[in-house]
Protein backbone atom coordinates (compact mmCIF):
# COMPACT_ATOMS: atom_id res chain seq x y z
CA UNK A 1 121.31 105.65 81.95
CA UNK A 2 118.88 102.81 81.31
CA UNK A 3 120.07 99.44 82.61
CA UNK A 4 119.41 96.19 80.80
CA UNK A 5 118.60 92.63 81.86
CA UNK A 6 121.07 89.81 81.25
CA UNK A 7 119.01 88.41 78.37
CA UNK A 8 118.38 91.81 76.77
CA UNK A 9 122.02 92.88 77.16
CA UNK A 10 123.22 89.59 75.69
CA UNK A 11 120.80 89.85 72.76
CA UNK A 12 121.84 93.43 71.95
CA UNK A 13 125.58 92.83 72.24
CA UNK A 14 125.32 89.40 70.59
CA UNK A 15 123.43 90.75 67.58
CA UNK A 16 125.88 93.63 67.21
CA UNK A 17 128.90 91.34 67.54
CA UNK A 18 127.58 88.86 64.97
CA UNK A 19 126.80 91.70 62.55
CA UNK A 20 130.31 93.07 63.06
CA UNK A 21 131.77 89.58 62.48
CA UNK A 22 129.83 89.23 59.23
CA UNK A 23 131.11 92.62 58.09
CA UNK A 24 134.63 91.44 58.86
CA UNK A 25 134.03 88.19 57.00
CA UNK A 26 132.80 89.94 53.85
CA UNK A 27 135.62 92.52 54.14
CA UNK A 28 137.97 89.79 52.94
CA UNK A 29 136.09 89.10 49.69
CA UNK A 30 136.82 92.43 47.90
CA UNK A 31 140.20 92.68 49.62
CA UNK A 32 141.20 89.24 48.34
CA UNK A 33 140.17 90.28 44.83
CA UNK A 34 142.25 93.47 45.09
CA UNK A 35 145.50 92.25 46.63
CA UNK A 36 145.39 88.45 46.24
CA UNK A 37 147.08 85.88 48.45
CA UNK A 38 150.39 87.73 48.40
CA UNK A 39 148.91 91.02 49.61
CA UNK A 40 146.78 89.22 52.21
CA UNK A 41 150.00 87.65 53.46
CA UNK A 42 151.57 91.09 54.02
CA UNK A 43 148.39 92.29 55.74
CA UNK A 44 148.04 89.18 57.94
CA UNK A 45 151.66 89.26 59.13
CA UNK A 46 151.12 92.40 61.20
CA UNK A 47 147.48 91.75 62.16
CA UNK A 48 148.14 88.95 64.74
CA UNK A 49 150.50 91.27 66.65
CA UNK A 50 147.73 93.87 66.76
CA UNK A 51 145.27 91.20 67.95
CA UNK A 52 147.74 90.18 70.68
CA UNK A 53 147.66 93.77 71.96
CA UNK A 54 143.84 93.70 71.80
CA UNK A 55 143.88 90.47 73.85
CA UNK A 56 146.19 92.04 76.45
CA UNK A 57 143.89 95.07 76.71
CA UNK A 58 140.77 92.88 76.99
CA UNK A 59 141.09 92.57 80.77
CA UNK A 60 140.37 96.27 81.25
CA UNK A 61 136.66 96.40 80.25
CA UNK A 62 135.92 93.24 82.27
CA UNK A 63 137.71 94.58 85.37
CA UNK A 64 136.09 97.99 85.02
CA UNK A 65 132.60 96.58 84.48
CA UNK A 66 132.93 94.45 87.62
CA UNK A 67 134.17 97.31 89.83
CA UNK A 68 131.77 99.91 88.43
CA UNK A 69 128.79 97.54 88.89
CA UNK A 70 129.78 96.97 92.54
CA UNK A 71 130.23 100.68 93.36
CA UNK A 72 127.14 101.66 91.37
CA UNK A 73 125.10 99.14 93.39
CA UNK A 74 126.23 101.06 96.49
CA UNK A 75 125.37 104.40 94.80
CA UNK A 76 129.01 105.49 95.04
CA UNK A 77 129.12 107.89 92.07
CA UNK A 78 132.54 109.25 93.08
CA UNK A 79 134.11 105.79 92.83
CA UNK A 80 132.51 105.16 89.42
CA UNK A 81 133.92 108.43 88.03
CA UNK A 82 137.29 107.79 89.64
CA UNK A 83 137.59 104.30 88.10
CA UNK A 84 136.97 105.71 84.62
CA UNK A 85 139.35 108.64 85.07
CA UNK A 86 142.21 106.59 86.49
CA UNK A 87 141.80 103.81 83.91
CA UNK A 88 142.08 106.35 81.10
CA UNK A 89 145.18 107.79 82.79
CA UNK A 90 146.76 104.31 82.68
CA UNK A 91 145.54 103.08 79.31
CA UNK A 92 146.21 106.10 77.08
CA UNK A 93 149.95 106.21 77.96
CA UNK A 94 150.18 102.40 77.52
CA UNK A 95 148.63 102.69 74.05
CA UNK A 96 150.91 105.60 73.16
CA UNK A 97 154.05 103.73 74.31
CA UNK A 98 153.01 100.59 72.40
CA UNK A 99 152.50 102.67 69.25
CA UNK A 100 155.88 104.40 69.67
CA UNK A 101 157.70 101.08 70.15
CA UNK A 102 156.06 99.59 67.06
CA UNK A 103 156.82 102.71 64.99
CA UNK A 104 160.46 103.23 66.01
CA UNK A 105 161.47 99.56 66.13
CA UNK A 106 159.36 98.34 63.20
CA UNK A 107 162.26 97.15 61.03
CA UNK A 108 163.92 95.35 63.93
CA UNK A 109 160.66 93.62 64.88
CA UNK A 110 160.04 92.54 61.27
CA UNK A 111 163.59 91.16 61.01
CA UNK A 112 163.38 89.35 64.38
CA UNK A 113 160.05 87.71 63.44
CA UNK A 114 161.42 86.80 59.98
CA UNK A 115 158.55 88.47 58.15
CA UNK A 116 158.75 89.53 54.52
CA UNK A 117 160.25 93.03 54.33
CA UNK A 118 157.26 94.16 52.23
CA UNK A 119 155.02 93.78 55.30
CA UNK A 120 156.68 96.97 56.60
CA UNK A 121 153.95 99.31 55.31
CA UNK A 122 151.12 97.33 56.92
CA UNK A 123 153.05 97.13 60.18
CA UNK A 124 153.79 100.87 60.23
CA UNK A 125 150.15 101.77 59.63
CA UNK A 126 148.66 99.32 62.14
CA UNK A 127 151.10 100.51 64.84
CA UNK A 128 148.93 103.65 65.20
CA UNK A 129 145.92 101.57 66.33
CA UNK A 130 146.82 100.64 69.98
CA UNK A 131 145.95 104.06 71.41
CA UNK A 132 142.42 103.82 70.00
CA UNK A 133 142.10 100.24 71.28
CA UNK A 134 142.89 101.54 74.78
CA UNK A 135 140.28 104.31 74.60
CA UNK A 136 137.59 101.94 73.26
CA UNK A 137 138.31 99.24 75.87
CA UNK A 138 138.08 101.77 78.70
CA UNK A 139 134.82 103.37 77.61
CA UNK A 140 133.25 99.99 76.79
CA UNK A 141 134.15 98.84 80.30
CA UNK A 142 132.35 101.90 81.72
CA UNK A 143 129.14 101.30 79.77
CA UNK A 144 129.19 97.55 80.52
CA UNK A 145 129.63 98.32 84.22
CA UNK A 146 126.55 100.55 84.04
CA UNK A 147 124.77 97.47 82.60
CA UNK A 148 124.02 99.03 79.23
CA UNK A 149 125.38 96.99 76.31
CA UNK A 150 123.91 99.13 73.53
CA UNK A 151 126.83 101.55 73.35
CA UNK A 152 129.42 98.74 73.26
CA UNK A 153 127.45 96.91 70.56
CA UNK A 154 126.99 99.96 68.33
CA UNK A 155 130.65 100.95 68.77
CA UNK A 156 131.67 97.51 67.45
CA UNK A 157 129.52 98.02 64.35
CA UNK A 158 130.85 101.58 63.83
CA UNK A 159 134.43 100.31 64.23
CA UNK A 160 133.91 97.48 61.75
CA UNK A 161 132.17 99.68 59.16
CA UNK A 162 135.11 102.10 59.30
CA UNK A 163 137.54 99.22 58.94
CA UNK A 164 135.71 97.64 56.00
CA UNK A 165 134.91 100.79 54.01
CA UNK A 166 138.22 102.58 54.51
CA UNK A 167 140.31 99.40 54.29
CA UNK A 168 138.87 98.47 50.89
CA UNK A 169 138.91 102.09 49.66
CA UNK A 170 142.58 102.74 50.54
CA UNK A 171 143.64 99.32 49.25
CA UNK A 172 141.93 100.14 45.92
CA UNK A 173 143.55 103.58 45.71
CA UNK A 174 147.04 102.23 46.47
CA UNK A 175 147.03 99.13 44.24
CA UNK A 176 148.72 101.05 41.36
CA UNK A 177 151.72 101.80 43.64
CA UNK A 178 152.21 98.13 44.49
CA UNK A 179 150.63 95.27 46.44
CA UNK A 180 152.61 96.06 49.60
CA UNK A 181 151.21 99.63 49.60
CA UNK A 182 147.68 98.31 49.02
CA UNK A 183 148.12 95.97 52.02
CA UNK A 184 149.14 99.04 54.04
CA UNK A 185 145.96 100.75 52.85
CA UNK A 186 143.91 97.78 54.05
CA UNK A 187 145.63 98.01 57.44
CA UNK A 188 144.74 101.73 57.61
CA UNK A 189 141.09 100.65 57.73
CA UNK A 190 141.79 99.14 61.17
CA UNK A 191 143.10 102.52 62.37
CA UNK A 192 140.11 104.44 60.99
CA UNK A 193 137.73 101.91 62.55
CA UNK A 194 139.39 102.41 65.93
CA UNK A 195 139.16 106.19 65.58
CA UNK A 196 135.45 106.09 64.70
CA UNK A 197 134.63 103.59 67.48
CA UNK A 198 136.48 105.76 70.03
CA UNK A 199 134.76 108.93 68.81
CA UNK A 200 131.30 107.32 69.05
CA UNK A 201 131.94 106.18 72.63
CA UNK A 202 133.38 109.56 73.72
CA UNK A 203 130.40 111.48 72.34
CA UNK A 204 127.96 109.20 74.15
CA UNK A 205 129.92 109.32 77.42
CA UNK A 206 129.80 113.14 77.35
CA UNK A 207 126.04 112.87 76.82
CA UNK A 208 125.29 110.33 79.58
CA UNK A 209 127.59 111.81 82.24
CA UNK A 210 125.13 114.70 82.53
CA UNK A 211 122.76 112.20 84.16
CA UNK A 212 125.09 111.74 87.13
CA UNK A 213 124.08 113.74 90.22
CA UNK A 214 126.13 116.90 90.91
CA UNK A 215 128.12 116.14 94.03
CA UNK A 216 131.00 117.99 95.72
CA UNK A 217 134.42 116.67 94.76
CA UNK A 218 135.82 114.08 97.12
CA UNK A 219 139.32 112.63 96.96
CA UNK A 220 139.34 108.89 97.64
CA UNK A 221 142.00 106.22 97.60
CA UNK A 222 143.44 105.34 94.21
CA UNK A 223 141.50 102.70 92.30
CA UNK A 224 144.55 101.67 90.24
CA UNK A 225 145.49 98.69 92.50
CA UNK A 226 141.91 97.35 92.32
CA UNK A 227 141.78 97.79 88.53
CA UNK A 228 145.17 96.14 88.05
CA UNK A 229 144.28 93.25 90.38
CA UNK A 230 141.17 92.52 88.32
CA UNK A 231 142.52 93.30 84.84
CA UNK A 232 145.93 91.61 84.84
CA UNK A 233 144.73 87.99 85.28
CA UNK A 234 142.06 88.46 82.60
CA UNK A 235 144.67 89.88 80.22
CA UNK A 236 147.07 87.04 81.03
CA UNK A 237 144.31 84.53 80.29
CA UNK A 238 143.54 86.21 76.96
CA UNK A 239 147.25 86.28 76.13
CA UNK A 240 147.52 82.55 76.91
CA UNK A 241 144.77 81.88 74.37
CA UNK A 242 146.52 84.04 71.75
CA UNK A 243 149.90 82.43 72.39
CA UNK A 244 148.26 78.99 72.09
CA UNK A 245 147.01 79.94 68.63
CA UNK A 246 150.54 80.94 67.69
CA UNK A 247 151.91 77.64 69.05
CA UNK A 248 149.19 75.79 67.13
CA UNK A 249 150.32 77.50 63.92
CA UNK A 250 153.76 75.91 64.43
CA UNK A 251 152.81 72.49 65.88
CA UNK A 252 150.01 71.50 63.48
CA UNK A 253 151.73 72.13 60.12
CA UNK A 254 154.98 70.54 61.37
CA UNK A 255 153.22 67.42 62.67
CA UNK A 256 151.30 67.10 59.38
CA UNK A 257 154.70 66.84 57.68
CA UNK A 258 155.54 63.99 60.07
CA UNK A 259 152.25 62.33 59.06
CA UNK A 260 153.51 62.23 55.48
CA UNK A 261 151.83 65.29 53.97
CA UNK A 262 153.72 67.67 51.70
CA UNK A 263 154.33 71.26 52.83
CA UNK A 264 151.68 72.46 50.36
CA UNK A 265 149.07 69.91 51.53
CA UNK A 266 149.85 70.79 55.17
CA UNK A 267 149.24 74.46 54.44
CA UNK A 268 145.95 73.63 52.69
CA UNK A 269 144.67 71.53 55.61
CA UNK A 270 145.75 74.12 58.17
CA UNK A 271 144.08 76.84 56.09
CA UNK A 272 140.84 74.85 56.00
CA UNK A 273 140.95 74.52 59.78
CA UNK A 274 141.83 78.12 60.70
CA UNK A 275 140.56 80.06 57.70
CA UNK A 276 137.22 78.31 57.25
CA UNK A 277 136.16 76.03 60.13
CA UNK A 278 137.36 78.29 62.98
CA UNK A 279 135.96 81.39 61.22
CA UNK A 280 132.46 79.85 61.11
CA UNK A 281 132.80 78.40 64.61
CA UNK A 282 133.53 81.90 65.93
CA UNK A 283 130.13 83.26 64.80
CA UNK A 284 128.05 81.58 67.57
CA UNK A 285 130.92 82.19 69.99
CA UNK A 286 130.38 85.92 69.39
CA UNK A 287 127.02 85.57 71.18
CA UNK A 288 128.76 83.79 74.05
CA UNK A 289 131.29 86.60 74.35
CA UNK A 290 128.39 89.04 74.50
CA UNK A 291 126.86 86.96 77.31
CA UNK A 292 130.16 87.09 79.21
CA UNK A 293 130.39 90.87 78.81
CA UNK A 294 126.79 91.25 80.07
CA UNK A 295 127.00 88.86 83.01
CA UNK A 296 130.15 90.14 84.78
CA UNK A 297 128.62 93.40 86.09
CA UNK A 298 125.22 91.77 86.77
CA UNK A 299 126.62 88.84 88.80
CA UNK A 300 129.25 91.05 90.48
CA UNK A 301 126.52 93.38 91.72
CA UNK A 302 124.50 90.55 93.34
CA UNK A 303 127.65 88.91 94.76
CA UNK A 304 128.99 92.18 96.23
CA UNK A 305 125.67 93.06 97.90
CA UNK A 306 125.09 89.51 99.31
CA UNK A 307 121.73 89.05 97.56
CA UNK A 308 121.87 85.24 97.64
CA UNK A 309 118.46 84.48 96.09
CA UNK A 310 119.07 86.90 93.23
CA UNK A 311 122.61 85.55 92.76
CA UNK A 312 121.28 81.98 92.43
CA UNK A 313 118.69 83.09 89.88
CA UNK A 314 121.30 84.95 87.84
CA UNK A 315 123.84 82.11 87.86
CA UNK A 316 121.12 79.63 86.84
CA UNK A 317 120.19 81.99 84.01
CA UNK A 318 123.84 82.08 82.90
CA UNK A 319 123.99 78.29 82.60
CA UNK A 320 120.65 78.19 80.77
CA UNK A 321 121.85 80.80 78.28
CA UNK A 322 125.12 78.89 77.79
CA UNK A 323 123.27 75.75 76.73
CA UNK A 324 120.64 77.70 74.75
CA UNK A 325 123.49 79.20 72.70
CA UNK A 326 125.84 76.20 72.66
CA UNK A 327 123.67 73.16 71.89
CA UNK A 328 121.71 74.47 68.87
CA UNK A 329 124.89 76.08 67.46
CA UNK A 330 126.71 72.74 67.68
CA UNK A 331 123.82 70.79 66.10
CA UNK A 332 123.28 73.38 63.37
CA UNK A 333 126.94 73.45 62.29
CA UNK A 334 127.25 69.65 62.64
CA UNK A 335 124.29 68.75 60.43
CA UNK A 336 124.51 71.71 58.02
CA UNK A 337 128.32 72.03 57.82
CA UNK A 338 128.48 71.53 54.05
CA UNK A 339 125.55 73.82 53.08
CA UNK A 340 126.71 76.61 55.43
CA UNK A 341 130.29 76.45 54.14
CA UNK A 342 129.01 76.48 50.55
CA UNK A 343 126.85 79.52 51.34
CA UNK A 344 129.64 81.53 53.02
CA UNK A 345 132.63 80.52 50.88
CA UNK A 346 131.01 80.70 47.45
CA UNK A 347 130.48 76.94 46.92
CA UNK A 348 134.01 76.11 48.15
CA UNK A 349 133.13 73.34 50.63
CA UNK A 350 136.63 71.88 51.11
CA UNK A 351 137.10 71.29 54.83
CA UNK A 352 133.43 71.03 55.78
CA UNK A 353 134.17 67.75 57.61
CA UNK A 354 136.63 69.67 59.80
CA UNK A 355 133.89 72.19 60.64
CA UNK A 356 131.47 69.33 61.36
CA UNK A 357 133.67 67.79 64.05
CA UNK A 358 135.05 71.09 65.36
CA UNK A 359 131.46 72.16 66.12
CA UNK A 360 131.42 69.53 68.93
CA UNK A 361 133.71 71.84 70.91
CA UNK A 362 131.28 74.80 70.84
CA UNK A 363 129.23 73.97 74.01
CA UNK A 364 132.45 73.34 75.97
CA UNK A 365 134.05 76.58 74.77
CA UNK A 366 130.93 78.51 75.80
CA UNK A 367 130.82 76.86 79.25
CA UNK A 368 134.53 77.69 79.61
CA UNK A 369 133.87 81.34 78.72
CA UNK A 370 130.84 81.78 80.98
CA UNK A 371 132.33 79.97 84.00
CA UNK A 372 135.48 82.06 83.56
CA UNK A 373 133.33 85.19 83.74
CA UNK A 374 131.49 83.84 86.81
CA UNK A 375 134.80 83.27 88.60
CA UNK A 376 135.98 86.75 87.63
CA UNK A 377 132.68 88.19 88.90
CA UNK A 378 133.44 86.66 92.30
CA UNK A 379 136.96 88.07 92.39
CA UNK A 380 138.70 84.72 91.64
CA UNK A 381 140.74 86.14 88.80
CA UNK A 382 143.62 83.66 88.57
CA UNK A 383 141.66 80.41 88.92
CA UNK A 384 140.34 80.42 85.33
CA UNK A 385 143.84 81.32 84.08
CA UNK A 386 145.30 78.22 85.78
CA UNK A 387 142.46 76.07 84.45
CA UNK A 388 142.93 77.44 80.93
CA UNK A 389 146.64 76.65 81.22
CA UNK A 390 145.82 73.02 82.07
CA UNK A 391 143.40 72.84 79.15
CA UNK A 392 146.04 74.28 76.82
CA UNK A 393 148.57 71.63 77.91
CA UNK A 394 145.99 68.90 77.17
CA UNK A 395 145.30 70.49 73.77
CA UNK A 396 149.00 70.69 72.79
CA UNK A 397 149.77 67.11 73.88
CA UNK A 398 146.80 65.61 72.03
CA UNK A 399 147.42 67.73 68.92
CA UNK A 400 151.12 66.81 68.91
CA UNK A 401 150.38 63.08 69.19
CA UNK A 402 147.33 62.72 66.92
CA UNK A 403 148.14 65.16 64.09
CA UNK A 404 151.23 63.05 63.28
CA UNK A 405 149.02 59.99 62.72
CA UNK A 406 148.28 59.82 58.97
CA UNK A 407 144.80 58.36 59.52
CA UNK A 408 143.90 61.22 61.92
CA UNK A 409 145.96 64.16 60.53
CA UNK A 410 144.28 67.60 60.90
CA UNK A 411 141.47 66.06 62.98
CA UNK A 412 144.07 65.58 65.71
CA UNK A 413 144.01 69.35 66.21
CA UNK A 414 140.21 69.16 66.47
CA UNK A 415 140.50 66.37 69.08
CA UNK A 416 142.98 68.51 71.02
CA UNK A 417 140.61 71.48 70.94
CA UNK A 418 137.60 69.45 72.11
CA UNK A 419 139.35 67.76 75.05
CA UNK A 420 141.30 70.89 75.98
CA UNK A 421 138.05 72.82 76.44
CA UNK A 422 136.30 69.89 78.14
CA UNK A 423 139.13 69.91 80.71
CA UNK A 424 138.96 73.67 81.29
CA UNK A 425 135.14 73.74 81.42
CA UNK A 426 135.06 70.92 83.99
CA UNK A 427 137.71 72.53 86.21
CA UNK A 428 135.93 75.90 86.04
CA UNK A 429 132.55 74.34 86.81
CA UNK A 430 133.94 72.58 89.89
CA UNK A 431 135.42 75.85 91.18
CA UNK A 432 132.19 77.81 90.56
CA UNK A 433 130.19 75.15 92.44
CA UNK A 434 132.61 75.27 95.40
CA UNK A 435 132.65 79.07 95.65
CA UNK A 436 128.98 79.87 95.08
CA UNK A 437 127.52 76.65 96.60
CA UNK A 438 124.57 76.90 94.20
CA UNK A 439 122.54 73.86 93.14
CA UNK A 440 120.02 73.91 90.35
CA UNK A 441 117.79 71.57 88.35
CA UNK A 442 119.50 69.61 85.57
CA UNK A 443 116.12 69.40 83.81
CA UNK A 444 115.73 73.19 83.72
CA UNK A 445 119.33 74.09 82.88
CA UNK A 446 120.39 71.33 80.44
CA UNK A 447 117.65 68.89 79.45
CA UNK A 448 115.02 71.41 78.32
CA UNK A 449 117.45 73.31 76.04
CA UNK A 450 118.65 69.93 74.72
CA UNK A 451 115.07 68.81 73.97
CA UNK A 452 114.28 72.08 72.19
CA UNK A 453 117.53 71.80 70.19
CA UNK A 454 116.82 68.21 69.06
CA UNK A 455 113.31 69.08 67.85
CA UNK A 456 114.70 72.16 66.12
CA UNK A 457 117.45 70.32 64.22
CA UNK A 458 115.03 67.64 62.98
CA UNK A 459 112.80 70.36 61.49
CA UNK A 460 115.83 72.28 60.15
CA UNK A 461 117.22 69.26 58.27
CA UNK A 462 113.71 68.37 57.02
CA UNK A 463 113.10 71.93 55.76
CA UNK A 464 116.55 72.14 54.11
CA UNK A 465 116.07 68.88 52.20
CA UNK A 466 112.54 69.73 51.07
CA UNK A 467 113.33 73.30 50.00
CA UNK A 468 116.46 72.09 48.17
CA UNK A 469 114.49 69.40 46.32
CA UNK A 470 112.03 72.09 45.24
CA UNK A 471 114.44 74.96 44.39
CA UNK A 472 117.77 73.16 43.76
CA UNK A 473 119.37 76.21 45.40
CA UNK A 474 121.69 75.70 48.38
CA UNK A 475 121.56 79.40 49.28
CA UNK A 476 117.76 79.59 49.47
CA UNK A 477 117.51 76.21 51.23
CA UNK A 478 120.16 77.12 53.78
CA UNK A 479 118.67 80.52 54.62
CA UNK A 480 115.11 79.13 54.86
CA UNK A 481 116.23 76.30 57.16
CA UNK A 482 118.15 78.73 59.41
CA UNK A 483 115.09 80.99 59.69
CA UNK A 484 112.92 77.94 60.47
CA UNK A 485 115.43 76.82 63.11
CA UNK A 486 115.53 80.22 64.86
CA UNK A 487 111.73 80.55 64.82
CA UNK A 488 111.08 76.98 66.04
CA UNK A 489 113.72 77.16 68.76
CA UNK A 490 112.47 80.54 70.00
CA UNK A 491 108.93 79.16 70.35
CA UNK A 492 110.10 75.92 71.99
CA UNK A 493 112.14 77.60 74.74
CA UNK A 494 108.99 79.51 75.73
CA UNK A 495 106.66 76.46 75.46
CA UNK A 496 109.06 74.25 77.44
CA UNK A 497 109.52 76.99 80.04
CA UNK A 498 113.26 77.41 79.56
CA UNK A 499 112.65 81.15 79.85
CA UNK A 500 109.52 82.88 81.03
CA UNK A 501 108.31 86.18 79.59
CA UNK A 502 109.35 87.78 82.90
CA UNK A 503 112.91 86.54 82.35
CA UNK A 504 113.02 88.00 78.85
CA UNK A 505 111.62 91.34 80.03
CA UNK A 506 114.27 91.29 82.76
CA UNK A 507 111.99 91.38 85.80
CA UNK A 508 114.34 89.19 87.85
CA UNK A 509 117.62 90.40 86.39
CA UNK A 510 117.54 94.01 87.51
CA UNK A 511 117.01 95.93 90.66
């Protein structure tokens, strides 16, 4: 199987993830027209529980990719096969049990969580999905460990296409029976997407396993303890993030009431934060998540084989990529918050100021994500979990205090997010520096990407204003300025020497 460089792997997975996110974003437009706010409410009630399960399963591909990269670097084919086999033996029963619990105890769960009883159909349908989540996570972990991100990226697109097409189709077919049935039809799209994503990965695994050398069977020690040791902390960390979102959904609206807002106004402000600003913020973060998925096996391999020079080069590349993604994303969303929101949400720009200030958190979230992956690559699984916990405490305290201030209101949640991630990023960075003892040039890692980003944003704003004055079209102006920004920034990072052509081709990032 062909292996990919860090930059190439990140670009492939990042492009696929962003495309999948856009499909998911536009999935809501026809669905909203079909089932309205009420139906979306039934659909959304069960979806966070599904996403919590996805978060808990997210540790598996990271743990697998780390272990497979290490054993593959030592040419231990038996261990690679054993890790995949034993992980499937763990994950498939876990997915099956989760599905059975959700199916048989659905009414009790709905009652305990005080959901509307009409969410039952969505909940019943989506309870089938966990088994496919487990299969996809396991096979994605295998391909990521083999340092090939193409299969993971394409599987995300296949999964999302299945979700969008089938979700809208079944919602449309079931609307005559009632909105609650249509919401269940929309949820069935998630199941179909999982089935198609799993099938794509299984077919490609069967194809690529033929490339492994034929060796006599050898029984080794169980890999389950190693997998669990690596996966559990990652899953706990992901669960902490999910739980914090749930806590936020309680703290922020309640504190807005204390600030003097009505229940309806509180819901509107919270919807602008989570439904609009966070949705757009997550698009550049998709590239960062792709970087994290690509770097774990690559850094783990160098760390496990004691290749110090190569390890330094790879870690330096990780920090460069973090700032190359984070700084221009922050500046772009900060200065073009209103045009971008108007483009995506059909001229509904309410809440663009929230997006503008929330974008400040993007570089710190990305540094948090990448330093977390670096620590995981070095086997320090719990350290980033502790650091994330500290950041979450900072976020909750600041949100609780500032949201209740009428002159700050919803921006208190933004302040909490920014300082929560600054705290976690700083703690992670200190730990990475202590463990790896790697020093690098501030000019190369931070200042050059910053310089390229500043030149880019000046030209982006200039092009937007001039094209708008000529066309009077926000859509055309926004798209032209984004294209200009990408083109200018791509040229500048080469001219300024942020990346060399050898880096992009992957000369230094592979064996």
